[in-house]
Amino acid sequence: MYEHFFQCPYCWEEISFLLDSSVPQQTYVEDCEVCCNPIEATAKFNNQELTYFEPKEIGQ
């Protein structure tokens, strides 16, 4: 598992998601641990190295 820190697109607090680096491309929804709003996260890995990460508000 890979822990990635980023700013929540709703409340701008720094939070982290645990990502499975064995899955090359993934999109999933997880709630912000601070404001509880749902975040759609897209992550891409190449050789288990994070190459792309985009968090966005649901409905945007």
C-alpha atoms as a PDB file:
ATOM      1  CA  MET A   1       0.000   0.000   0.000  1.00  0.00           C
ATOM      2  CA  TYR A   2       1.096   3.524  -0.786  1.00  0.00           C
ATOM      3  CA  GLU A   3       0.050   6.501   1.374  1.00  0.00           C
ATOM      4  CA  HIS A   4      -0.456   9.651  -0.685  1.00  0.00           C
ATOM      5  CA  PHE A   5      -0.938  13.066   0.947  1.00  0.00           C
ATOM      6  CA  PHE A   6      -2.908  15.812  -0.828  1.00  0.00           C
ATOM      7  CA  GLN A   7      -5.328  18.697  -0.232  1.00  0.00           C
ATOM      8  CA  CYS A   8      -9.035  17.956  -0.028  1.00  0.00           C
ATOM      9  CA  PRO A   9     -10.846  19.707  -2.927  1.00  0.00           C
ATOM     10  CA  TYR A  10     -13.623  20.783  -0.522  1.00  0.00           C
ATOM     11  CA  CYS A  11     -11.992  21.962   2.719  1.00  0.00           C
ATOM     12  CA  TRP A  12      -8.348  22.296   1.540  1.00  0.00           C
ATOM     13  CA  GLU A  13      -7.022  20.394   4.564  1.00  0.00           C
ATOM     14  CA  GLU A  14      -4.123  18.006   3.988  1.00  0.00           C
ATOM     15  CA  ILE A  15      -5.352  14.409   4.097  1.00  0.00           C
ATOM     16  CA  SER A  16      -4.099  11.074   2.812  1.00  0.00           C
ATOM     17  CA  PHE A  17      -5.482   8.056   1.009  1.00  0.00           C
ATOM     18  CA  LEU A  18      -3.991   4.574   0.986  1.00  0.00           C
ATOM     19  CA  LEU A  19      -3.547   3.416  -2.599  1.00  0.00           C
ATOM     20  CA  ASP A  20      -2.854  -0.092  -3.867  1.00  0.00           C
ATOM     21  CA  SER A  21       0.328   0.312  -5.924  1.00  0.00           C
ATOM     22  CA  SER A  22      -0.127  -3.151  -7.468  1.00  0.00           C
ATOM     23  CA  VAL A  23      -3.136  -1.858  -9.481  1.00  0.00           C
ATOM     24  CA  PRO A  24      -1.828   0.198 -12.451  1.00  0.00           C
ATOM     25  CA  GLN A  25      -4.924   2.393 -12.845  1.00  0.00           C
ATOM     26  CA  GLN A  26      -7.720   2.971 -10.347  1.00  0.00           C
ATOM     27  CA  THR A  27     -10.636   5.295  -9.702  1.00  0.00           C
ATOM     28  CA  TYR A  28     -12.620   5.169  -6.505  1.00  0.00           C
ATOM     29  CA  VAL A  29     -14.590   7.308  -4.047  1.00  0.00           C
ATOM     30  CA  GLU A  30     -13.538   7.909  -0.452  1.00  0.00           C
ATOM     31  CA  ASP A  31     -14.768  10.481   2.074  1.00  0.00           C
ATOM     32  CA  CYS A  32     -12.487  13.232   3.366  1.00  0.00           C
ATOM     33  CA  GLU A  33     -11.436  12.396   6.931  1.00  0.00           C
ATOM     34  CA  VAL A  34     -11.859  16.079   7.937  1.00  0.00           C
ATOM     35  CA  CYS A  35     -15.053  17.361   6.247  1.00  0.00           C
ATOM     36  CA  CYS A  36     -16.616  13.971   5.273  1.00  0.00           C
ATOM     37  CA  ASN A  37     -17.363  15.028   1.668  1.00  0.00           C
ATOM     38  CA  PRO A  38     -16.907  12.343  -1.027  1.00  0.00           C
ATOM     39  CA  ILE A  39     -13.772  12.618  -3.174  1.00  0.00           C
ATOM     40  CA  GLU A  40     -13.371  10.777  -6.474  1.00  0.00           C
ATOM     41  CA  ALA A  41      -9.699   9.865  -6.748  1.00  0.00           C
ATOM     42  CA  THR A  42      -7.954   8.659  -9.897  1.00  0.00           C
ATOM     43  CA  ALA A  43      -4.469   7.204  -9.516  1.00  0.00           C
ATOM     44  CA  LYS A  44      -2.016   5.680 -11.966  1.00  0.00           C
ATOM     45  CA  PHE A  45       1.078   3.667 -11.112  1.00  0.00           C
ATOM     46  CA  ASN A  46       3.975   2.587 -13.303  1.00  0.00           C
ATOM     47  CA  ASN A  47       6.200  -0.115 -11.786  1.00  0.00           C
ATOM     48  CA  GLN A  48       4.494   0.575  -8.436  1.00  0.00           C
ATOM     49  CA  GLU A  49       5.499   4.265  -8.583  1.00  0.00           C
ATOM     50  CA  LEU A  50       2.706   6.840  -8.464  1.00  0.00           C
ATOM     51  CA  THR A  51       2.754   8.753 -11.767  1.00  0.00           C
ATOM     52  CA  TYR A  52      -0.645  10.489 -11.647  1.00  0.00           C
ATOM     53  CA  PHE A  53      -3.142  11.426  -8.943  1.00  0.00           C
ATOM     54  CA  GLU A  54      -6.263  13.570  -9.308  1.00  0.00           C
ATOM     55  CA  PRO A  55      -8.749  14.168  -6.498  1.00  0.00           C
ATOM     56  CA  LYS A  56     -11.976  15.878  -7.447  1.00  0.00           C
ATOM     57  CA  GLU A  57     -15.337  16.790  -6.020  1.00  0.00           C
ATOM     58  CA  ILE A  58     -18.204  14.477  -6.908  1.00  0.00           C
ATOM     59  CA  GLY A  59     -20.366  16.016  -9.623  1.00  0.00           C
ATOM     60  CA  GLN A  60     -17.585  18.216 -11.014  1.00  0.00           C
END
